[in-house]
Each structure stands twice: as C-alpha cells, then as structure tokens.
C-alpha cells in the first residue's frame, strides 16, 4: 500500500515549518508499514491534482494567501473540487486565535 500525498503551495504556505509536518506524517506511515509518496505542487505548477489520496495545505501570512488566490481559482480549483467530491482528505494548517 502506498499513500499519495499532494503538498499544495509549500513554497508560499510554510509559515509554521510545515515541511516538518510532512516529514512526521511520512515517518508515522513508515512505522505502520505504509508506503508514502509526497509531491510538492508549487504556485504556478501545471500539475494535475488527480490520483492523490491526501492533500496537505500549510499556513501562511494573509499576503501570501492572496498571492496564490488566482492560481487556486484558475488552475487548481477545479481539481480540488473534484477531489472533494470524490471524498479525498484535506489537512489544512491554519493559524488563529
């Protein structure tokens, strides 16, 4: 078994050291005998988002979130919507009070 993880916008949404969250997740899967492949999909990447089991989105400053909105709307939004409709899991790290 191999879990396919899509780490969305690691270049922009990495306020809380989210690479460490991915490394931790990989290690925990390894301990359970589950293979893992992580693809890092950056701002502007034309990658298709089909075929992933889990999506991870880190936290970012308000400005950084605004920077990626157009890419999210026009390039990745339809695939994300389809993944949600298909029951895929999304982990989102968000700051707040």
C-alpha atoms as a PDB file:
ATOM      1  CA  UNK A   1       0.000   0.000   0.000  1.00  0.00           C
ATOM      2  CA  UNK A   2       1.229   3.485  -0.851  1.00  0.00           C
ATOM      3  CA  UNK A   3      -0.407   6.721   0.214  1.00  0.00           C
ATOM      4  CA  UNK A   4      -0.061   9.510  -2.352  1.00  0.00           C
ATOM      5  CA  UNK A   5       0.143  12.948  -0.748  1.00  0.00           C
ATOM      6  CA  UNK A   6      -0.081  16.289  -2.521  1.00  0.00           C
ATOM      7  CA  UNK A   7       1.569  19.121  -0.568  1.00  0.00           C
ATOM      8  CA  UNK A   8      -0.012  22.239  -2.049  1.00  0.00           C
ATOM      9  CA  UNK A   9       1.919  25.510  -2.170  1.00  0.00           C
ATOM     10  CA  UNK A  10       4.908  24.513   0.016  1.00  0.00           C
ATOM     11  CA  UNK A  11       6.782  27.486  -1.452  1.00  0.00           C
ATOM     12  CA  UNK A  12       4.195  30.026  -0.237  1.00  0.00           C
ATOM     13  CA  UNK A  13       2.323  28.437   2.686  1.00  0.00           C
ATOM     14  CA  UNK A  14       5.068  27.411   5.077  1.00  0.00           C
ATOM     15  CA  UNK A  15       4.577  29.799   7.981  1.00  0.00           C
ATOM     16  CA  UNK A  16       4.700  27.116  10.653  1.00  0.00           C
ATOM     17  CA  UNK A  17       7.504  24.935   9.262  1.00  0.00           C
ATOM     18  CA  UNK A  18       5.023  22.666   7.541  1.00  0.00           C
ATOM     19  CA  UNK A  19       7.752  20.618   5.886  1.00  0.00           C
ATOM     20  CA  UNK A  20       8.232  19.146   9.362  1.00  0.00           C
ATOM     21  CA  UNK A  21       4.565  18.119   9.464  1.00  0.00           C
ATOM     22  CA  UNK A  22       5.029  16.228   6.200  1.00  0.00           C
ATOM     23  CA  UNK A  23       8.202  14.533   7.497  1.00  0.00           C
ATOM     24  CA  UNK A  24       6.365  13.497  10.664  1.00  0.00           C
ATOM     25  CA  UNK A  25       3.471  12.101   8.652  1.00  0.00           C
ATOM     26  CA  UNK A  26       5.875  10.142   6.437  1.00  0.00           C
ATOM     27  CA  UNK A  27       7.622   8.654   9.472  1.00  0.00           C
ATOM     28  CA  UNK A  28       4.369   7.649  11.141  1.00  0.00           C
ATOM     29  CA  UNK A  29       3.225   5.930   7.949  1.00  0.00           C
ATOM     30  CA  UNK A  30       6.577   4.156   7.687  1.00  0.00           C
ATOM     31  CA  UNK A  31       6.207   2.838  11.273  1.00  0.00           C
ATOM     32  CA  UNK A  32       2.902   1.298  10.221  1.00  0.00           C
ATOM     33  CA  UNK A  33       4.325  -0.291   7.096  1.00  0.00           C
ATOM     34  CA  UNK A  34       2.540   2.099   4.745  1.00  0.00           C
ATOM     35  CA  UNK A  35       4.468   3.484   1.796  1.00  0.00           C
ATOM     36  CA  UNK A  36       4.228   7.176   1.041  1.00  0.00           C
ATOM     37  CA  UNK A  37       4.943   9.438  -1.896  1.00  0.00           C
ATOM     38  CA  UNK A  38       4.797  13.202  -1.482  1.00  0.00           C
ATOM     39  CA  UNK A  39       4.568  15.541  -4.451  1.00  0.00           C
ATOM     40  CA  UNK A  40       5.222  19.230  -3.843  1.00  0.00           C
ATOM     41  CA  UNK A  41       2.898  21.286  -6.033  1.00  0.00           C
ATOM     42  CA  UNK A  42       4.020  24.903  -6.104  1.00  0.00           C
ATOM     43  CA  UNK A  43       2.469  28.160  -7.171  1.00  0.00           C
ATOM     44  CA  UNK A  44       2.080  28.131 -10.956  1.00  0.00           C
ATOM     45  CA  UNK A  45       2.765  24.413 -11.390  1.00  0.00           C
ATOM     46  CA  UNK A  46       0.535  22.956 -14.092  1.00  0.00           C
ATOM     47  CA  UNK A  47       0.300  19.584 -12.289  1.00  0.00           C
ATOM     48  CA  UNK A  48      -2.948  17.704 -12.360  1.00  0.00           C
ATOM     49  CA  UNK A  49      -4.234  17.033  -8.864  1.00  0.00           C
ATOM     50  CA  UNK A  50      -5.911  13.744  -9.695  1.00  0.00           C
ATOM     51  CA  UNK A  51      -4.798  10.478  -8.157  1.00  0.00           C
ATOM     52  CA  UNK A  52      -3.885  11.744  -4.690  1.00  0.00           C
ATOM     53  CA  UNK A  53      -5.198  10.175  -1.506  1.00  0.00           C
ATOM     54  CA  UNK A  54      -4.492  13.136   0.757  1.00  0.00           C
ATOM     55  CA  UNK A  55      -3.898  16.846   0.294  1.00  0.00           C
ATOM     56  CA  UNK A  56      -1.884  18.973   2.719  1.00  0.00           C
ATOM     57  CA  UNK A  57      -2.008  22.763   2.815  1.00  0.00           C
ATOM     58  CA  UNK A  58       0.178  24.697   5.262  1.00  0.00           C
ATOM     59  CA  UNK A  59      -0.383  28.054   6.869  1.00  0.00           C
ATOM     60  CA  UNK A  60       0.680  31.413   5.531  1.00  0.00           C
ATOM     61  CA  UNK A  61       0.516  35.136   6.072  1.00  0.00           C
ATOM     62  CA  UNK A  62      -2.508  36.990   4.691  1.00  0.00           C
ATOM     63  CA  UNK A  63      -0.372  38.474   1.903  1.00  0.00           C
ATOM     64  CA  UNK A  64       0.921  35.033   0.863  1.00  0.00           C
ATOM     65  CA  UNK A  65      -2.610  33.655   0.784  1.00  0.00           C
ATOM     66  CA  UNK A  66      -3.666  36.496  -1.501  1.00  0.00           C
ATOM     67  CA  UNK A  67      -0.716  35.797  -3.831  1.00  0.00           C
ATOM     68  CA  UNK A  68      -1.926  32.280  -4.568  1.00  0.00           C
ATOM     69  CA  UNK A  69      -5.644  33.027  -4.969  1.00  0.00           C
ATOM     70  CA  UNK A  70      -5.547  33.431  -8.757  1.00  0.00           C
ATOM     71  CA  UNK A  71      -3.595  30.177  -9.186  1.00  0.00           C
ATOM     72  CA  UNK A  72      -6.015  28.423  -6.860  1.00  0.00           C
ATOM     73  CA  UNK A  73      -9.063  29.740  -8.690  1.00  0.00           C
ATOM     74  CA  UNK A  74      -7.941  29.184 -12.262  1.00  0.00           C
ATOM     75  CA  UNK A  75      -5.519  26.245 -12.185  1.00  0.00           C
ATOM     76  CA  UNK A  76      -6.079  24.095  -9.143  1.00  0.00           C
ATOM     77  CA  UNK A  77      -9.616  24.908  -8.016  1.00  0.00           C
ATOM     78  CA  UNK A  78     -11.459  22.570 -10.387  1.00  0.00           C
ATOM     79  CA  UNK A  79      -9.212  19.614  -9.471  1.00  0.00           C
ATOM     80  CA  UNK A  80      -9.580  20.382  -5.762  1.00  0.00           C
ATOM     81  CA  UNK A  81     -13.355  20.488  -6.143  1.00  0.00           C
ATOM     82  CA  UNK A  82     -13.302  17.139  -7.928  1.00  0.00           C
ATOM     83  CA  UNK A  83     -11.097  15.627  -5.197  1.00  0.00           C
ATOM     84  CA  UNK A  84     -13.505  16.837  -2.512  1.00  0.00           C
ATOM     85  CA  UNK A  85     -16.452  15.396  -4.417  1.00  0.00           C
ATOM     86  CA  UNK A  86     -14.547  12.112  -4.632  1.00  0.00           C
ATOM     87  CA  UNK A  87     -14.117  12.056  -0.843  1.00  0.00           C
ATOM     88  CA  UNK A  88     -10.383  12.811  -0.694  1.00  0.00           C
ATOM     89  CA  UNK A  89      -8.945  14.071   2.587  1.00  0.00           C
ATOM     90  CA  UNK A  90      -7.558  17.586   3.071  1.00  0.00           C
ATOM     91  CA  UNK A  91      -5.361  18.592   6.010  1.00  0.00           C
ATOM     92  CA  UNK A  92      -5.082  22.349   6.406  1.00  0.00           C
ATOM     93  CA  UNK A  93      -2.832  24.032   8.948  1.00  0.00           C
ATOM     94  CA  UNK A  94      -4.298  27.383   9.893  1.00  0.00           C
ATOM     95  CA  UNK A  95      -3.296  29.941  12.468  1.00  0.00           C
ATOM     96  CA  UNK A  96      -5.802  31.780  14.511  1.00  0.00           C
ATOM     97  CA  UNK A  97      -6.996  32.657  17.938  1.00  0.00           C
END
